[in-house]
Amino acid sequence: MAKNAVAVSQPTSGAVAMIGGMDLEQFAGAGMQEVKATDLAIPFLRILAQLSPQVNKRDGAYVQGAEAGDIYHTVSNTALKGADGITVVPCYFQHRYLEWKPREKGGGFVGSHRADDAIVKSTRRDDRGNDVLPNGNYLVNTYQFFVLLLTEEGPHRCMVAMSSSQVTKAKKWLTVMESQTFRSSTGNLLTYPMFYNKYRMVTVPQQNDKGSWYGWEVQKIGPLEESEAHIFQMGAMFMKSISAGDVVVREDHEEHSSSQPSHTDVF
């Protein structure tokens, strides 16, 4: 285990939060009693493309200073420089197939399907490499990572969706996570929790004979430090909420074809 890394069984501790001499713990969550999972929106972190409205100064969705390759936060409506990157702690992974309407039929997100759903096997491949359903909609193979975005203001719950050319990178990221192991007290080899390590995500230019775009590059930073034990605890709580179905994702994906090449990408 790395020096000063968080011990998996280490309980968290910290100073008592106060305001005006009053202990904030007695007011924890006050006013939020009727807020439900369906009332909340998990922000998406996605890479802006040349055709993204956030980079078009004539579009109402334009974000000041945003450029292709920046990382867009869908709830705060801000863009972070892709070359500088972001630091995240992954907490949970989902493999989904996202259903979209074709542009000629108005476009737009339709639904999300598990990889083992029967509908996934009902597609055919069209001449553009898209997986098309009998109803004319198409499915996009997507790897979804629920993460804690680490900022100066503290960690924020977000989601990163990887599809098309980014699926290969998602699989590599999962392989790195799965390879992080430690010995138990009885000598068994165990895998660290997903939310034990921090990772740096930057965007890099990619291209093939069909065009150019920006994709993710993920690098492991290392374990959370002892002073970041609260992040480990938050990651554990986030993971439990998702696995229990308490976190509802308001699908806010941009249409796949508007931001990345089709399934025929050369990786």
Protein backbone atom coordinates (compact mmCIF):
# COMPACT_ATOMS: atom_id res chain seq x y z
CA MET A 1 0.00 0.00 0.00
CA ALA A 2 1.30 3.45 -0.90
CA LYS A 3 2.51 5.72 1.89
CA ASN A 4 -0.31 7.72 3.48
CA ALA A 5 -2.90 5.91 1.38
CA VAL A 6 -6.35 5.38 2.82
CA ALA A 7 -6.68 2.08 4.69
CA VAL A 8 -9.75 0.29 3.36
CA SER A 9 -11.12 -0.24 6.88
CA GLN A 10 -10.06 3.18 8.16
CA PRO A 11 -12.97 5.15 9.70
CA THR A 12 -13.28 8.78 8.69
CA SER A 13 -13.03 11.72 11.07
CA GLY A 14 -12.98 15.49 10.85
CA ALA A 15 -13.71 18.78 12.55
CA VAL A 16 -17.29 19.59 13.54
CA ALA A 17 -18.92 22.05 11.10
CA MET A 18 -20.21 25.14 12.88
CA ILE A 19 -22.01 28.37 12.01
CA GLY A 20 -22.80 31.08 14.52
CA GLY A 21 -21.81 28.72 17.32
CA MET A 22 -24.37 26.12 16.18
CA ASP A 23 -23.45 22.54 15.25
CA LEU A 24 -24.51 21.97 11.62
CA GLU A 25 -24.92 18.24 12.20
CA GLN A 26 -28.29 18.81 13.87
CA PHE A 27 -29.50 20.53 10.68
CA ALA A 28 -28.03 17.99 8.22
CA GLY A 29 -30.32 17.68 5.18
CA ALA A 30 -32.85 20.13 6.59
CA GLY A 31 -35.27 21.29 3.90
CA MET A 32 -34.46 18.35 1.64
CA GLN A 33 -36.95 15.90 3.17
CA GLU A 34 -39.14 15.65 0.05
CA VAL A 35 -36.33 15.63 -2.50
CA LYS A 36 -36.29 12.32 -4.38
CA ALA A 37 -33.82 10.75 -6.77
CA THR A 38 -36.05 11.71 -9.70
CA ASP A 39 -35.69 15.37 -8.70
CA LEU A 40 -31.91 15.31 -9.11
CA ALA A 41 -29.78 15.36 -12.23
CA ILE A 42 -26.42 13.59 -12.30
CA PRO A 43 -24.14 15.89 -14.34
CA PHE A 44 -22.55 14.44 -17.45
CA LEU A 45 -18.91 15.16 -18.27
CA ARG A 46 -18.52 15.00 -22.03
CA ILE A 47 -16.06 16.13 -24.67
CA LEU A 48 -17.12 19.06 -26.82
CA ALA A 49 -16.85 18.58 -30.58
CA GLN A 50 -16.63 21.04 -33.45
CA LEU A 51 -20.40 20.79 -33.94
CA SER A 52 -21.35 21.03 -30.27
CA PRO A 53 -23.66 24.03 -29.64
CA GLN A 54 -21.52 25.07 -26.66
CA VAL A 55 -18.66 26.08 -29.00
CA ASN A 56 -20.89 27.96 -31.48
CA LYS A 57 -21.01 31.68 -30.61
CA ARG A 58 -24.27 32.03 -32.55
CA ASP A 59 -26.01 29.29 -30.56
CA GLY A 60 -28.05 30.02 -27.42
CA ALA A 61 -26.22 27.17 -25.67
CA TYR A 62 -22.80 28.77 -26.27
CA VAL A 63 -20.43 28.68 -23.30
CA GLN A 64 -17.98 31.58 -23.05
CA GLY A 65 -14.51 30.49 -24.17
CA ALA A 66 -15.53 26.88 -24.91
CA GLU A 67 -13.61 25.07 -27.64
CA ALA A 68 -13.65 21.64 -29.25
CA GLY A 69 -11.79 19.25 -26.98
CA ASP A 70 -12.94 20.95 -23.76
CA ILE A 71 -14.77 18.96 -21.09
CA TYR A 72 -18.35 20.13 -20.63
CA HIS A 73 -20.18 19.91 -17.27
CA THR A 74 -23.86 19.66 -18.20
CA VAL A 75 -25.35 20.92 -14.93
CA SER A 76 -23.04 23.84 -14.13
CA ASN A 77 -22.90 24.68 -17.86
CA THR A 78 -19.14 25.21 -17.71
CA ALA A 79 -16.28 24.02 -19.89
CA LEU A 80 -12.95 22.79 -18.53
CA LYS A 81 -9.84 22.74 -20.68
CA GLY A 82 -9.32 19.23 -21.99
CA ALA A 83 -5.55 19.56 -22.14
CA ASP A 84 -5.48 20.42 -18.43
CA GLY A 85 -7.83 17.59 -17.68
CA ILE A 86 -9.83 16.63 -14.60
CA THR A 87 -9.22 14.41 -11.59
CA VAL A 88 -11.85 11.80 -10.84
CA VAL A 89 -12.50 8.88 -8.52
CA PRO A 90 -14.57 6.19 -10.31
CA CYS A 91 -17.31 4.67 -8.14
CA TYR A 92 -19.49 2.46 -10.35
CA PHE A 93 -19.62 1.07 -13.88
CA GLN A 94 -22.57 0.26 -16.15
CA HIS A 95 -22.64 -1.24 -19.64
CA ARG A 96 -25.64 0.08 -21.57
CA TYR A 97 -26.96 0.35 -25.12
CA LEU A 98 -28.51 3.77 -25.72
CA GLU A 99 -31.38 4.00 -28.16
CA TRP A 100 -31.64 7.03 -30.45
CA LYS A 101 -34.05 8.22 -33.12
CA PRO A 102 -32.44 8.92 -36.53
CA ARG A 103 -31.91 12.58 -37.36
CA GLU A 104 -34.32 12.34 -40.29
CA LYS A 105 -37.06 11.36 -37.80
CA GLY A 106 -36.34 14.24 -35.45
CA GLY A 107 -33.47 12.67 -33.51
CA GLY A 108 -33.27 12.47 -29.74
CA PHE A 109 -32.69 10.01 -26.94
CA VAL A 110 -35.27 7.20 -26.58
CA GLY A 111 -34.08 4.87 -23.84
CA SER A 112 -31.31 2.87 -22.20
CA HIS A 113 -31.01 -0.93 -22.39
CA ARG A 114 -28.87 -3.40 -20.48
CA ALA A 115 -26.34 -5.38 -22.48
CA ASP A 116 -28.27 -8.62 -21.87
CA ASP A 117 -31.67 -7.23 -22.91
CA ALA A 118 -33.29 -9.10 -25.83
CA ILE A 119 -33.66 -5.86 -27.81
CA VAL A 120 -29.88 -5.64 -28.19
CA LYS A 121 -29.89 -8.84 -30.29
CA SER A 122 -32.60 -7.56 -32.62
CA THR A 123 -30.44 -5.03 -34.49
CA ARG A 124 -29.00 -5.12 -37.98
CA ARG A 125 -25.90 -3.28 -39.18
CA ASP A 126 -26.60 -0.59 -41.81
CA ASP A 127 -24.18 0.65 -44.49
CA ARG A 128 -22.88 3.37 -42.13
CA GLY A 129 -21.98 0.89 -39.41
CA ASN A 130 -24.90 1.74 -37.11
CA ASP A 131 -26.83 -0.96 -35.21
CA VAL A 132 -30.43 -0.39 -36.30
CA LEU A 133 -33.53 -1.70 -34.50
CA PRO A 134 -36.66 -2.97 -36.32
CA ASN A 135 -38.40 0.32 -35.43
CA GLY A 136 -35.71 2.29 -37.28
CA ASN A 137 -33.99 3.61 -34.16
CA TYR A 138 -30.38 2.72 -33.52
CA LEU A 139 -28.40 1.51 -30.51
CA VAL A 140 -25.05 2.84 -29.34
CA ASN A 141 -22.81 0.60 -27.25
CA THR A 142 -21.91 2.75 -24.23
CA TYR A 143 -19.71 2.29 -21.17
CA GLN A 144 -20.86 4.52 -18.31
CA PHE A 145 -18.66 5.49 -15.35
CA PHE A 146 -20.15 7.16 -12.29
CA VAL A 147 -17.36 9.25 -10.81
CA LEU A 148 -16.53 11.84 -8.19
CA LEU A 149 -15.11 14.93 -9.89
CA LEU A 150 -12.52 16.42 -7.54
CA THR A 151 -12.51 20.22 -7.47
CA GLU A 152 -11.30 22.95 -5.14
CA GLU A 153 -14.88 23.24 -3.83
CA GLY A 154 -14.98 19.52 -3.07
CA PRO A 155 -16.05 16.30 -4.85
CA HIS A 156 -19.06 16.32 -7.18
CA ARG A 157 -21.03 13.29 -8.38
CA CYS A 158 -20.90 13.02 -12.19
CA MET A 159 -21.05 10.52 -15.02
CA VAL A 160 -18.75 9.91 -18.00
CA ALA A 161 -20.16 7.99 -20.97
CA MET A 162 -17.78 6.36 -23.45
CA SER A 163 -18.93 5.02 -26.81
CA SER A 164 -17.60 4.33 -30.31
CA SER A 165 -13.82 4.81 -30.36
CA GLN A 166 -13.83 5.37 -26.59
CA VAL A 167 -15.08 1.86 -25.78
CA THR A 168 -11.59 0.46 -26.22
CA LYS A 169 -10.27 3.07 -23.77
CA ALA A 170 -13.06 2.26 -21.33
CA LYS A 171 -12.09 -1.42 -21.41
CA LYS A 172 -8.44 -0.52 -20.75
CA TRP A 173 -9.51 1.64 -17.80
CA LEU A 174 -11.55 -1.21 -16.37
CA THR A 175 -8.59 -3.56 -16.81
CA VAL A 176 -6.35 -1.18 -14.86
CA MET A 177 -8.92 -0.98 -12.06
CA GLU A 178 -9.36 -4.74 -11.92
CA SER A 179 -5.61 -5.27 -11.68
CA GLN A 180 -5.29 -3.18 -8.49
CA THR A 181 -5.07 -5.81 -5.75
CA PHE A 182 -4.02 -6.29 -2.12
CA ARG A 183 -3.59 -9.19 0.31
CA SER A 184 -6.29 -9.82 2.91
CA SER A 185 -5.51 -10.67 6.53
CA THR A 186 -5.84 -14.34 5.55
CA GLY A 187 -3.55 -14.00 2.54
CA ASN A 188 -6.22 -13.93 -0.16
CA LEU A 189 -5.69 -11.64 -3.17
CA LEU A 190 -8.50 -9.07 -3.30
CA THR A 191 -9.32 -6.25 -5.71
CA TYR A 192 -9.32 -2.72 -4.33
CA PRO A 193 -12.65 -0.86 -4.39
CA MET A 194 -13.07 1.14 -7.58
CA PHE A 195 -13.20 4.32 -5.49
CA TYR A 196 -9.79 3.70 -3.86
CA ASN A 197 -7.73 5.33 -6.64
CA LYS A 198 -7.69 8.72 -8.35
CA TYR A 199 -7.33 9.11 -12.12
CA ARG A 200 -6.48 11.97 -14.44
CA MET A 201 -8.69 12.36 -17.53
CA VAL A 202 -7.51 14.58 -20.38
CA THR A 203 -8.68 14.90 -23.97
CA VAL A 204 -6.47 14.15 -26.95
CA PRO A 205 -6.98 14.59 -30.72
CA GLN A 206 -7.74 11.45 -32.71
CA GLN A 207 -8.30 10.78 -36.37
CA ASN A 208 -8.82 8.13 -39.01
CA ASP A 209 -9.73 8.17 -42.70
CA LYS A 210 -13.27 9.24 -41.81
CA GLY A 211 -12.35 12.36 -39.86
CA SER A 212 -10.90 13.76 -36.66
CA TRP A 213 -12.24 14.20 -33.15
CA TYR A 214 -11.19 14.36 -29.50
CA GLY A 215 -11.12 11.37 -27.20
CA TRP A 216 -10.30 10.53 -23.61
CA GLU A 217 -6.93 9.57 -22.20
CA VAL A 218 -7.01 8.15 -18.67
CA GLN A 219 -3.99 7.92 -16.39
CA LYS A 220 -3.83 6.52 -12.87
CA ILE A 221 -2.67 9.01 -10.23
CA GLY A 222 -2.68 6.69 -7.25
CA PRO A 223 -4.54 5.93 -4.02
CA LEU A 224 -6.49 8.48 -2.04
CA GLU A 225 -4.46 9.99 0.77
CA GLU A 226 -5.37 9.70 4.45
CA SER A 227 -6.57 13.31 4.35
CA GLU A 228 -9.01 12.30 1.58
CA ALA A 229 -10.76 9.59 3.59
CA HIS A 230 -14.02 11.55 3.29
CA ILE A 231 -13.82 11.10 -0.49
CA PHE A 232 -13.47 7.34 -0.04
CA GLN A 233 -16.55 7.39 2.17
CA MET A 234 -18.50 9.48 -0.34
CA GLY A 235 -17.46 7.10 -3.11
CA ALA A 236 -18.75 4.13 -1.12
CA MET A 237 -22.08 5.87 -0.52
CA PHE A 238 -22.36 6.84 -4.21
CA MET A 239 -21.67 3.25 -5.26
CA LYS A 240 -24.31 1.87 -2.88
CA SER A 241 -26.90 4.39 -4.07
CA ILE A 242 -26.38 3.46 -7.72
CA SER A 243 -26.35 -0.29 -7.16
CA ALA A 244 -29.54 0.01 -5.09
CA GLY A 245 -31.24 1.95 -7.88
CA ASP A 246 -31.58 5.09 -5.80
CA VAL A 247 -29.73 7.23 -8.35
CA VAL A 248 -31.81 8.01 -11.42
CA VAL A 249 -29.90 9.17 -14.49
CA ARG A 250 -31.63 11.79 -16.56
CA GLU A 251 -30.21 10.81 -19.90
CA ASP A 252 -28.54 13.94 -21.21
CA HIS A 253 -26.26 12.38 -23.81
CA GLU A 254 -25.64 14.34 -26.96
CA GLU A 255 -26.59 12.33 -29.99
CA HIS A 256 -23.69 10.01 -30.67
CA SER A 257 -23.24 10.92 -34.32
CA SER A 258 -22.95 14.64 -33.56
CA SER A 259 -19.89 14.29 -31.36
CA GLN A 260 -17.96 11.20 -32.44
CA PRO A 261 -17.46 9.01 -35.50
CA SER A 262 -19.64 5.97 -36.09
CA HIS A 263 -19.05 2.37 -35.06
CA THR A 264 -16.73 1.98 -38.04
CA ASP A 265 -13.93 3.91 -36.26
CA VAL A 266 -10.47 2.46 -36.72
CA PHE A 267 -9.06 2.18 -33.19
